Amino acid sequence: MPTESGSCATARQAKQKRKSHSLSIRRTNSSEQERTGLPREMLEGQDSKLPSSVRNTLLELFGQIEREFENLYIENLELRREIDTLNERLAAEGQTIDGAELSKGQLKTKASHSTSQLSQKLKTTYKASTSKIVSSFKTTTSRAVCQLVKEYVGHRDGIWDVSVTRTQPVVLGTASADHTALLWSIETGKCLVKYAGHVGSVNSIKFHPSEQVALTASGDQTAHIWRYMVQLPTPQPTTDTSQQMSGEDEVEFSDKDDADGDGEGSSDCPTIRVPLTSLKSHQGVVIAADWLVGGKQAVTASWDRTANLYDVETSELVHSLTGHDQELTHCCTHPTQRLVVTSSRDTTFRLWDFRDPSIHSVNVFQGHTDTVTSAVFTVGDNVVSGSDDRTVKVWDLKNMRSPIATIRTDSAINRINVCVGQRIIALPHDNRQVRLFDMSGVRLARLPRSNRQGHRRMVCCSAWSEDHPICNLFTCGFDRQAIGWNINIPALLQEK
């Protein structure tokens, strides 16, 4: 058999090396469509038992991983060039120092020190970059501890607020831009009562601490107090929805998709149209309202830049809380003390103290750089605030100068809620995500979201029901539905 000469073999190897190098460069510089299109075409030509949606999701995930590692590779090359440049500069400077030649040992020590610094920088870069890839796989774990149990569909517009009663029977309340508030059976998802007394968007709903009475705030510049009587229907077996999840599908839904279930949950429920009391002192939209401890007084927050404190029995205005420079966005009361916190678009939130009837002190918290969308009380003397600046801050009321913890996210924060017993913060985002953190700022989980489950649009609010055996977290959003979640808190904290 004829043998190939040494020169010919060398030339062929060099040609193959140049060819493979050119292919790798061409592939690196190709567009994203070309990069994902080739595997997709190859996969379509193969027999597979996987559904097309699952295969497409896998392709997208693998494409994201490939792009991440390509970026890491490019960063690695840049860092290696910096190391080589530094070593060359050190070698040139090491020829003479104060007229004396630098010994090899000194040069080696100096170069190794600089190289170790760059090596640490390289490790940090790899760790920060790959964390994005790792976080994308944490959703599998999140599904094991955060499971969708029930969907509450019946509103004809986005839902601004969600709340849970503190007394028996335990029901869910939702406030919607469709001018109504609905009460739901948590177990069956059936609408129990509709309140239709407002002529504007219903922006918030809160339940009386001891009676079957609700407080709603509206865009019609009023807050209403109304009584309800509910009888819970017999619960039906819930279906296991965990098997329906097919991954992190980013499919957008149209208005037509959202309208499919309009009116299903509220068409046959009793309707209340007249309130017990109407609170009328604001000159602008009433964006939020809450009960003070004991339920004898209520506080409202408005776009007229004021918050009002009312006597519930007489409907009289007790105090007008002024001081914010721009529209208010939220208000919240302490569960055991006469304390109120109001948040505003002026990037601050204020603490109002009514514990001493003769002194009404106010403290201003400054720390955000954009609208403070909500501030809520938690255990002890802590307040948690969320903002459009994509941060959440935990504050100690005894030290207002700086937060004790800061959580940074990738999207604006809407109305937050804290599970007081377990010290877990639920963060609803503009980007449809709902994330769970502890009070020290450690991320615990992200609620699952796919093309079949989770919110399809911006999540506006969340509410914990710590004692409910079926659903202990509720979320609502612009997709016109509220969702009940079961959070396996022991497993969640164990993963932490």
Protein backbone atom coordinates (compact mmCIF):
# COMPACT_ATOMS: atom_id res chain seq x y z
CA MET A 1 0.00 0.00 0.00
CA PRO A 2 1.46 3.38 -0.94
CA THR A 3 2.41 5.58 1.99
CA GLU A 4 2.00 9.32 2.22
CA SER A 5 5.18 11.39 2.39
CA GLY A 6 5.94 13.46 5.53
CA SER A 7 5.56 16.81 3.75
CA CYS A 8 2.19 15.83 2.25
CA ALA A 9 0.90 14.66 5.62
CA THR A 10 2.00 17.88 7.26
CA ALA A 11 0.33 19.97 4.55
CA ARG A 12 -2.92 18.01 4.88
CA GLN A 13 -2.96 18.43 8.66
CA ALA A 14 -2.38 22.17 8.30
CA LYS A 15 -5.19 22.41 5.75
CA GLN A 16 -7.60 20.53 8.00
CA LYS A 17 -6.61 22.72 10.93
CA ARG A 18 -7.25 25.89 8.90
CA LYS A 19 -10.60 24.50 7.74
CA SER A 20 -11.79 23.61 11.23
CA HIS A 21 -10.60 26.99 12.50
CA SER A 22 -12.51 28.83 9.78
CA LEU A 23 -15.64 26.82 10.55
CA SER A 24 -15.42 27.66 14.24
CA ILE A 25 -14.99 31.37 13.46
CA ARG A 26 -17.90 31.28 11.03
CA ARG A 27 -20.06 29.59 13.63
CA THR A 28 -19.09 32.03 16.37
CA ASN A 29 -19.91 35.04 14.21
CA SER A 30 -23.16 33.62 12.88
CA SER A 31 -26.47 35.11 13.86
CA GLU A 32 -28.63 33.62 16.54
CA GLN A 33 -31.15 32.42 13.99
CA GLU A 34 -28.48 30.55 12.03
CA ARG A 35 -27.12 29.05 15.23
CA THR A 36 -30.46 27.73 16.42
CA GLY A 37 -31.81 26.93 12.98
CA LEU A 38 -29.32 24.15 12.12
CA PRO A 39 -30.02 21.95 15.17
CA ARG A 40 -33.73 22.59 14.77
CA GLU A 41 -33.65 21.35 11.14
CA MET A 42 -31.56 18.35 12.12
CA LEU A 43 -33.94 17.52 14.97
CA GLU A 44 -36.97 17.80 12.73
CA GLY A 45 -35.49 15.15 10.47
CA GLN A 46 -35.13 12.67 13.33
CA ASP A 47 -37.72 10.46 14.94
CA SER A 48 -38.50 11.49 18.50
CA LYS A 49 -41.20 10.67 21.01
CA LEU A 50 -40.93 14.10 22.62
CA PRO A 51 -43.69 16.63 21.90
CA SER A 52 -42.66 19.45 19.61
CA SER A 53 -43.13 22.06 22.36
CA VAL A 54 -40.76 20.16 24.67
CA ARG A 55 -38.20 19.77 21.89
CA ASN A 56 -38.37 23.48 21.06
CA THR A 57 -37.95 24.36 24.73
CA LEU A 58 -34.91 22.09 25.00
CA LEU A 59 -33.38 23.67 21.91
CA GLU A 60 -33.87 27.14 23.33
CA LEU A 61 -32.34 26.13 26.67
CA PHE A 62 -29.34 24.49 25.02
CA GLY A 63 -28.96 27.56 22.83
CA GLN A 64 -28.85 29.77 25.93
CA ILE A 65 -26.24 27.50 27.53
CA GLU A 66 -24.15 27.58 24.37
CA ARG A 67 -24.26 31.39 24.23
CA GLU A 68 -23.27 31.65 27.88
CA PHE A 69 -20.24 29.41 27.37
CA GLU A 70 -19.26 31.27 24.21
CA ASN A 71 -19.26 34.49 26.20
CA LEU A 72 -17.15 32.82 28.88
CA TYR A 73 -14.73 31.60 26.25
CA ILE A 74 -14.35 35.10 24.81
CA GLU A 75 -13.83 36.56 28.29
CA ASN A 76 -11.26 33.87 28.98
CA LEU A 77 -9.31 34.83 25.87
CA GLU A 78 -9.35 38.50 26.86
CA LEU A 79 -8.09 37.69 30.34
CA ARG A 80 -5.32 35.52 28.94
CA ARG A 81 -4.24 38.40 26.69
CA GLU A 82 -4.15 40.68 29.73
CA ILE A 83 -1.98 38.14 31.56
CA ASP A 84 0.44 37.92 28.63
CA THR A 85 0.60 41.70 28.29
CA LEU A 86 1.24 42.11 32.01
CA ASN A 87 3.96 39.48 32.00
CA GLU A 88 5.67 41.20 29.06
CA ARG A 89 5.49 44.57 30.81
CA LEU A 90 6.87 43.10 34.01
CA ALA A 91 9.68 41.44 32.11
CA ALA A 92 10.58 44.73 30.43
CA GLU A 93 10.45 46.68 33.69
CA GLY A 94 12.37 43.97 35.47
CA GLN A 95 15.56 44.60 33.48
CA THR A 96 16.63 47.54 35.65
CA ILE A 97 15.31 48.92 38.92
CA ASP A 98 17.30 51.84 40.31
CA GLY A 99 20.19 50.84 38.03
CA ALA A 100 20.36 47.29 39.32
CA GLU A 101 19.14 44.22 37.47
CA LEU A 102 16.10 42.51 38.91
CA SER A 103 16.78 38.94 39.89
CA LYS A 104 14.70 36.12 38.48
CA GLY A 105 13.30 35.34 41.90
CA GLN A 106 11.99 38.89 42.35
CA LEU A 107 10.51 38.96 38.86
CA LYS A 108 8.86 35.59 39.41
CA THR A 109 7.39 36.71 42.72
CA LYS A 110 5.99 39.94 41.24
CA ALA A 111 4.60 38.20 38.16
CA SER A 112 3.02 35.40 40.19
CA HIS A 113 1.33 37.95 42.47
CA SER A 114 -0.20 39.79 39.51
CA THR A 115 -1.12 36.53 37.82
CA SER A 116 -2.88 35.34 40.98
CA GLN A 117 -4.94 38.53 41.00
CA LEU A 118 -6.01 37.96 37.40
CA SER A 119 -6.67 34.32 38.17
CA GLN A 120 -8.99 35.37 40.99
CA LYS A 121 -10.68 37.81 38.60
CA LEU A 122 -11.11 34.97 36.11
CA LYS A 123 -12.70 32.74 38.75
CA THR A 124 -15.05 35.53 39.81
CA THR A 125 -16.06 36.14 36.20
CA TYR A 126 -16.78 32.44 35.65
CA LYS A 127 -18.79 32.23 38.85
CA ALA A 128 -20.89 35.31 38.05
CA SER A 129 -21.53 34.26 34.45
CA THR A 130 -22.41 30.66 35.15
CA SER A 131 -24.78 31.65 37.95
CA LYS A 132 -27.30 32.62 35.25
CA ILE A 133 -27.13 29.10 33.84
CA VAL A 134 -27.44 27.50 37.26
CA SER A 135 -30.43 29.68 38.18
CA SER A 136 -32.28 28.50 35.08
CA PHE A 137 -32.15 24.93 36.39
CA LYS A 138 -33.35 25.90 39.89
CA THR A 139 -36.91 26.01 38.58
CA THR A 140 -37.05 22.22 38.73
CA THR A 141 -36.44 22.39 42.46
CA SER A 142 -38.91 25.26 42.82
CA ARG A 143 -41.66 23.16 41.27
CA ALA A 144 -41.16 20.54 43.96
CA VAL A 145 -41.85 23.05 46.75
CA CYS A 146 -44.15 25.54 44.96
CA GLN A 147 -47.18 23.98 43.32
CA LEU A 148 -50.13 25.65 41.62
CA VAL A 149 -53.36 24.44 43.26
CA LYS A 150 -56.24 26.58 41.98
CA GLU A 151 -57.01 29.36 39.50
CA TYR A 152 -59.71 31.93 40.21
CA VAL A 153 -61.12 33.23 36.93
CA GLY A 154 -64.09 35.58 36.61
CA HIS A 155 -62.94 39.19 36.42
CA ARG A 156 -63.20 41.08 33.13
CA ASP A 157 -60.11 43.22 33.65
CA GLY A 158 -56.79 43.15 35.45
CA ILE A 159 -56.70 42.36 39.18
CA TRP A 160 -54.91 44.93 41.33
CA ASP A 161 -55.08 43.37 44.77
CA VAL A 162 -55.70 40.07 46.55
CA SER A 163 -56.43 39.45 50.23
CA VAL A 164 -57.44 36.63 52.58
CA THR A 165 -59.86 36.83 55.52
CA ARG A 166 -58.43 36.56 59.03
CA THR A 167 -61.55 34.88 60.44
CA GLN A 168 -63.67 31.86 59.61
CA PRO A 169 -64.86 31.09 57.03
CA VAL A 170 -61.57 31.72 55.21
CA VAL A 171 -62.24 33.20 51.77
CA LEU A 172 -60.19 34.96 49.12
CA GLY A 173 -60.91 38.51 47.97
CA THR A 174 -59.82 40.15 44.72
CA ALA A 175 -60.04 43.79 43.58
CA SER A 176 -60.20 44.49 39.87
CA ALA A 177 -60.11 47.28 37.32
CA ASP A 178 -63.51 46.03 36.11
CA HIS A 179 -65.11 48.06 39.00
CA THR A 180 -65.86 44.96 41.10
CA ALA A 181 -64.47 43.02 44.05
CA LEU A 182 -65.09 39.26 44.22
CA LEU A 183 -65.00 36.82 47.12
CA TRP A 184 -63.97 33.25 46.32
CA SER A 185 -64.06 29.81 47.87
CA ILE A 186 -60.40 28.89 48.14
CA GLU A 187 -61.02 25.15 47.80
CA THR A 188 -63.43 25.13 44.85
CA GLY A 189 -62.54 28.34 43.03
CA LYS A 190 -66.21 29.31 42.96
CA CYS A 191 -67.21 32.97 43.26
CA LEU A 192 -69.25 33.51 46.45
CA VAL A 193 -70.03 37.25 46.43
CA LYS A 194 -69.61 40.15 44.00
CA TYR A 195 -69.37 43.72 45.25
CA ALA A 196 -70.41 46.24 42.57
CA GLY A 197 -70.86 49.45 44.57
CA HIS A 198 -67.94 51.36 43.04
CA VAL A 199 -68.07 53.31 39.78
CA GLY A 200 -64.33 53.18 39.25
CA SER A 201 -61.52 50.67 39.36
CA VAL A 202 -61.31 48.78 42.66
CA ASN A 203 -57.66 49.16 43.63
CA SER A 204 -57.43 47.28 46.92
CA ILE A 205 -59.38 45.03 49.29
CA LYS A 206 -58.78 44.32 52.98
CA PHE A 207 -60.86 42.30 55.45
CA HIS A 208 -61.89 43.35 58.95
CA PRO A 209 -59.81 41.61 61.64
CA SER A 210 -62.82 40.07 63.42
CA GLU A 211 -66.04 40.58 61.39
CA GLN A 212 -67.33 39.65 57.93
CA VAL A 213 -66.73 43.16 56.64
CA ALA A 214 -64.54 44.28 53.75
CA LEU A 215 -62.82 47.60 52.95
CA THR A 216 -62.25 48.52 49.30
CA ALA A 217 -60.50 51.53 47.75
CA SER A 218 -61.44 52.82 44.32
CA GLY A 219 -60.59 55.15 41.50
CA ASP A 220 -63.93 56.90 42.12
CA GLN A 221 -62.14 58.80 44.98
CA THR A 222 -63.92 56.84 47.72
CA ALA A 223 -63.37 53.87 49.99
CA HIS A 224 -66.30 51.60 50.83
CA ILE A 225 -66.99 49.44 53.86
CA TRP A 226 -69.44 46.63 53.13
CA ARG A 227 -70.72 43.53 54.89
CA TYR A 228 -70.86 40.07 53.33
CA MET A 229 -72.35 36.72 54.33
CA VAL A 230 -70.90 33.63 52.69
CA GLN A 231 -71.50 29.90 52.88
CA LEU A 232 -68.70 27.76 51.59
CA PRO A 233 -69.63 25.06 49.06
CA THR A 234 -68.49 21.46 49.41
CA PRO A 235 -64.88 21.19 48.20
CA GLN A 236 -64.17 19.05 45.15
CA PRO A 237 -61.02 16.93 44.67
CA THR A 238 -58.25 19.02 43.15
CA THR A 239 -56.36 17.75 40.16
CA ASP A 240 -52.58 17.40 40.23
CA THR A 241 -51.39 20.16 37.94
CA SER A 242 -47.68 19.50 38.42
CA GLN A 243 -47.65 16.98 35.58
CA GLN A 244 -48.83 19.57 33.06
CA MET A 245 -45.74 21.75 33.29
CA SER A 246 -43.63 21.61 30.19
CA GLY A 247 -40.85 24.04 31.12
CA GLU A 248 -40.19 27.76 31.11
CA ASP A 249 -42.18 28.60 28.01
CA GLU A 250 -42.15 32.32 27.24
CA VAL A 251 -45.22 32.27 25.01
CA GLU A 252 -47.11 35.56 24.96
CA PHE A 253 -50.91 35.45 25.23
CA SER A 254 -53.30 37.76 23.46
CA ASP A 255 -56.40 39.46 24.79
CA LYS A 256 -58.47 36.82 23.02
CA ASP A 257 -56.75 34.10 25.03
CA ASP A 258 -57.39 35.95 28.27
CA ALA A 259 -61.06 36.50 27.47
CA ASP A 260 -61.81 32.80 27.13
CA GLY A 261 -62.84 32.47 30.78
CA ASP A 262 -64.42 35.87 31.31
CA GLY A 263 -67.43 35.80 33.56
CA GLU A 264 -67.30 32.07 34.28
CA GLY A 265 -66.70 32.48 38.01
CA SER A 266 -68.94 35.49 38.75
CA SER A 267 -72.03 35.04 36.57
CA ASP A 268 -74.24 33.35 39.18
CA CYS A 269 -72.99 34.69 42.51
CA PRO A 270 -74.93 37.14 44.73
CA THR A 271 -74.19 40.83 44.14
CA ILE A 272 -73.88 43.60 46.77
CA ARG A 273 -74.34 47.13 45.44
CA VAL A 274 -74.77 49.33 48.54
CA PRO A 275 -72.00 49.82 51.15
CA LEU A 276 -72.45 50.19 54.88
CA THR A 277 -70.23 53.29 54.84
CA SER A 278 -68.60 55.40 52.17
CA LEU A 279 -65.42 57.33 53.08
CA LYS A 280 -65.33 60.55 51.01
CA SER A 281 -62.57 63.06 51.70
CA HIS A 282 -60.04 62.57 48.93
CA GLN A 283 -59.65 64.67 45.79
CA GLY A 284 -58.03 61.95 43.76
CA VAL A 285 -57.89 58.20 43.16
CA VAL A 286 -57.87 56.15 46.38
CA ILE A 287 -55.16 53.63 45.61
CA ALA A 288 -55.15 51.62 48.87
CA ALA A 289 -56.86 51.25 52.24
CA ASP A 290 -56.34 49.21 55.40
CA TRP A 291 -57.77 48.62 58.88
CA LEU A 292 -55.99 49.80 62.01
CA VAL A 293 -55.57 47.26 64.78
CA GLY A 294 -58.96 46.59 66.37
CA GLY A 295 -60.92 47.52 63.26
CA LYS A 296 -62.43 50.74 64.65
CA GLN A 297 -60.42 52.99 62.34
CA ALA A 298 -59.32 52.77 58.71
CA VAL A 299 -56.61 54.52 56.72
CA THR A 300 -56.69 55.37 53.01
CA ALA A 301 -53.95 56.46 50.58
CA SER A 302 -54.65 58.62 47.55
CA TRP A 303 -53.15 60.16 44.46
CA ASP A 304 -53.97 63.56 46.01
CA ARG A 305 -50.70 63.06 47.99
CA THR A 306 -52.46 62.53 51.32
CA ALA A 307 -53.48 59.65 53.54
CA ASN A 308 -56.62 59.90 55.65
CA LEU A 309 -57.50 58.31 58.96
CA TYR A 310 -61.23 57.69 59.49
CA ASP A 311 -63.48 56.64 62.32
CA VAL A 312 -65.34 53.63 60.91
CA GLU A 313 -68.51 54.01 62.97
CA THR A 314 -69.12 57.70 62.18
CA SER A 315 -67.25 57.89 58.80
CA GLU A 316 -65.63 61.09 60.08
CA LEU A 317 -62.14 62.17 59.07
CA VAL A 318 -59.88 61.96 62.15
CA HIS A 319 -56.51 62.96 60.66
CA SER A 320 -55.22 63.97 57.25
CA LEU A 321 -51.64 62.75 56.84
CA THR A 322 -49.74 65.18 54.62
CA GLY A 323 -46.09 65.45 53.68
CA HIS A 324 -45.51 63.35 50.59
CA ASP A 325 -44.42 65.32 47.53
CA GLN A 326 -46.08 63.07 44.95
CA GLU A 327 -48.92 60.57 44.61
CA LEU A 328 -49.23 57.81 47.20
CA THR A 329 -48.98 54.22 45.99
CA HIS A 330 -49.82 52.12 49.05
CA CYS A 331 -50.57 52.08 52.76
CA CYS A 332 -50.23 49.37 55.39
CA THR A 333 -50.99 49.06 59.11
CA HIS A 334 -49.15 47.21 61.85
CA PRO A 335 -50.95 44.00 62.97
CA THR A 336 -50.64 44.73 66.72
CA GLN A 337 -49.78 48.44 67.12
CA ARG A 338 -51.26 51.74 65.98
CA LEU A 339 -48.66 52.30 63.28
CA VAL A 340 -49.21 53.18 59.61
CA VAL A 341 -46.71 53.19 56.76
CA THR A 342 -47.40 55.01 53.46
CA SER A 343 -45.37 54.78 50.26
CA SER A 344 -45.17 57.27 47.42
CA ARG A 345 -43.86 58.09 44.00
CA ASP A 346 -41.54 60.63 45.67
CA THR A 347 -39.09 57.70 46.33
CA THR A 348 -39.83 57.68 50.09
CA PHE A 349 -42.12 55.97 52.54
CA ARG A 350 -43.28 57.38 55.86
CA LEU A 351 -44.04 55.84 59.23
CA TRP A 352 -46.94 57.40 61.15
CA ASP A 353 -47.19 56.69 64.88
CA PHE A 354 -50.63 56.94 66.55
CA ARG A 355 -49.79 55.03 69.73
CA ASP A 356 -49.80 58.22 71.79
CA PRO A 357 -53.07 60.14 71.18
CA SER A 358 -51.38 63.47 71.97
CA ILE A 359 -48.35 62.94 69.69
CA HIS A 360 -48.57 61.92 66.03
CA SER A 361 -44.95 61.51 64.98
CA VAL A 362 -43.76 60.79 61.48
CA ASN A 363 -40.48 59.33 60.22
CA VAL A 364 -39.29 59.49 56.62
CA PHE A 365 -37.36 56.62 55.05
CA GLN A 366 -35.11 57.54 52.13
CA GLY A 367 -33.18 54.88 50.30
CA HIS A 368 -34.87 54.16 46.98
CA THR A 369 -34.20 55.96 43.71
CA ASP A 370 -37.61 55.45 42.11
CA THR A 371 -41.26 55.05 43.07
CA VAL A 372 -41.80 53.06 46.28
CA THR A 373 -44.60 50.76 45.21
CA SER A 374 -45.30 49.30 48.66
CA ALA A 375 -44.01 49.11 52.21
CA VAL A 376 -45.30 46.52 54.69
CA PHE A 377 -44.76 45.62 58.32
CA THR A 378 -43.25 42.32 59.34
CA VAL A 379 -42.23 40.70 62.62
CA GLY A 380 -40.72 42.88 65.32
CA ASP A 381 -39.70 46.38 64.32
CA ASN A 382 -39.00 45.68 60.66
CA VAL A 383 -40.49 47.16 57.49
CA VAL A 384 -39.96 45.79 53.97
CA SER A 385 -40.17 48.20 51.03
CA GLY A 386 -40.27 47.51 47.29
CA SER A 387 -39.62 49.92 44.46
CA ASP A 388 -39.58 50.48 40.73
CA ASP A 389 -35.80 50.81 41.10
CA ARG A 390 -35.75 46.97 41.14
CA THR A 391 -34.74 46.67 44.77
CA VAL A 392 -36.37 45.49 47.98
CA LYS A 393 -35.03 46.78 51.29
CA VAL A 394 -35.52 45.52 54.83
CA TRP A 395 -35.47 48.27 57.46
CA ASP A 396 -35.17 48.40 61.22
CA LEU A 397 -37.53 51.03 62.63
CA LYS A 398 -34.94 51.84 65.28
CA ASN A 399 -32.33 52.72 62.66
CA MET A 400 -33.68 54.58 59.65
CA ARG A 401 -30.36 55.63 58.14
CA SER A 402 -29.68 52.48 56.11
CA PRO A 403 -31.45 49.16 55.40
CA ILE A 404 -30.31 46.01 57.12
CA ALA A 405 -30.72 43.99 53.89
CA THR A 406 -31.10 44.81 50.19
CA ILE A 407 -32.47 42.50 47.48
CA ARG A 408 -31.65 43.40 43.87
CA THR A 409 -33.81 42.03 41.07
CA ASP A 410 -34.12 42.29 37.30
CA SER A 411 -37.59 43.87 37.22
CA ALA A 412 -39.71 46.47 38.99
CA ILE A 413 -41.36 45.34 42.23
CA ASN A 414 -45.11 45.59 42.81
CA ARG A 415 -47.09 45.08 46.03
CA ILE A 416 -45.06 42.79 48.25
CA ASN A 417 -46.31 40.60 51.08
CA VAL A 418 -44.53 38.94 54.00
CA CYS A 419 -45.28 35.57 55.57
CA VAL A 420 -44.85 36.76 59.15
CA GLY A 421 -44.60 33.35 60.79
CA GLN A 422 -41.89 32.06 58.42
CA ARG A 423 -40.28 35.42 57.58
CA ILE A 424 -40.60 34.86 53.82
CA ILE A 425 -41.09 37.76 51.38
CA ALA A 426 -43.09 37.26 48.17
CA LEU A 427 -42.04 39.61 45.36
CA PRO A 428 -44.41 40.04 42.37
CA HIS A 429 -42.68 41.55 39.34
CA ASP A 430 -43.54 43.44 36.18
CA ASN A 431 -41.96 40.62 34.16
CA ARG A 432 -44.57 38.08 35.43
CA GLN A 433 -42.18 36.42 37.85
CA VAL A 434 -42.92 35.83 41.54
CA ARG A 435 -39.84 35.21 43.68
CA LEU A 436 -39.52 34.23 47.34
CA PHE A 437 -36.77 35.58 49.61
CA ASP A 438 -35.99 35.42 53.30
CA MET A 439 -35.53 38.50 55.48
CA SER A 440 -31.76 38.47 55.05
CA GLY A 441 -32.05 38.74 51.27
CA VAL A 442 -31.39 35.09 50.35
CA ARG A 443 -33.42 33.85 47.39
CA LEU A 444 -35.46 30.76 48.25
CA ALA A 445 -37.48 29.96 45.12
CA ARG A 446 -39.32 31.23 42.07
CA LEU A 447 -42.91 30.24 41.43
CA PRO A 448 -43.20 28.01 38.34
CA ARG A 449 -44.36 29.63 35.14
CA SER A 450 -45.05 27.89 31.82
CA ASN A 451 -47.35 28.14 28.83
CA ARG A 452 -50.07 26.32 30.79
CA GLN A 453 -49.55 27.59 34.32
CA GLY A 454 -48.61 30.77 36.12
CA HIS A 455 -49.36 34.34 35.24
CA ARG A 456 -49.30 35.45 31.62
CA ARG A 457 -48.84 39.13 32.36
CA MET A 458 -47.60 41.48 35.06
CA VAL A 459 -48.15 40.19 38.60
CA CYS A 460 -49.61 42.98 40.74
CA CYS A 461 -49.91 41.61 44.25
CA SER A 462 -49.52 38.61 46.53
CA ALA A 463 -51.04 37.56 49.85
CA TRP A 464 -50.07 34.86 52.35
CA SER A 465 -52.56 32.70 54.21
CA GLU A 466 -50.31 30.96 56.68
CA ASP A 467 -52.94 28.74 58.30
CA HIS A 468 -54.74 27.47 55.20
CA PRO A 469 -54.02 23.78 54.50
CA ILE A 470 -54.54 23.92 50.72
CA CYS A 471 -53.30 27.29 49.49
CA ASN A 472 -50.99 29.49 51.53
CA LEU A 473 -49.91 32.01 48.89
CA PHE A 474 -52.11 33.86 46.41
CA THR A 475 -51.04 36.02 43.47
CA CYS A 476 -52.97 38.17 40.99
CA GLY A 477 -52.13 40.13 37.87
CA PHE A 478 -53.11 41.76 34.60
CA ASP A 479 -54.10 38.40 33.11
CA ARG A 480 -57.44 38.75 34.98
CA GLN A 481 -56.92 35.78 37.26
CA ALA A 482 -55.78 35.01 40.78
CA ILE A 483 -53.76 31.88 41.51
CA GLY A 484 -53.52 29.84 44.71
CA TRP A 485 -50.18 28.18 45.45
CA ASN A 486 -49.14 25.55 47.95
CA ILE A 487 -45.66 26.32 49.30
CA ASN A 488 -43.85 23.48 51.03
CA ILE A 489 -42.18 25.81 53.51
CA PRO A 490 -40.16 23.16 55.42
CA ALA A 491 -38.66 21.89 52.15
CA LEU A 492 -38.09 25.48 51.03
CA LEU A 493 -36.17 26.36 54.17
CA GLN A 494 -34.27 23.09 54.06
CA GLU A 495 -32.98 23.89 50.57
CA LYS A 496 -31.84 27.24 51.89
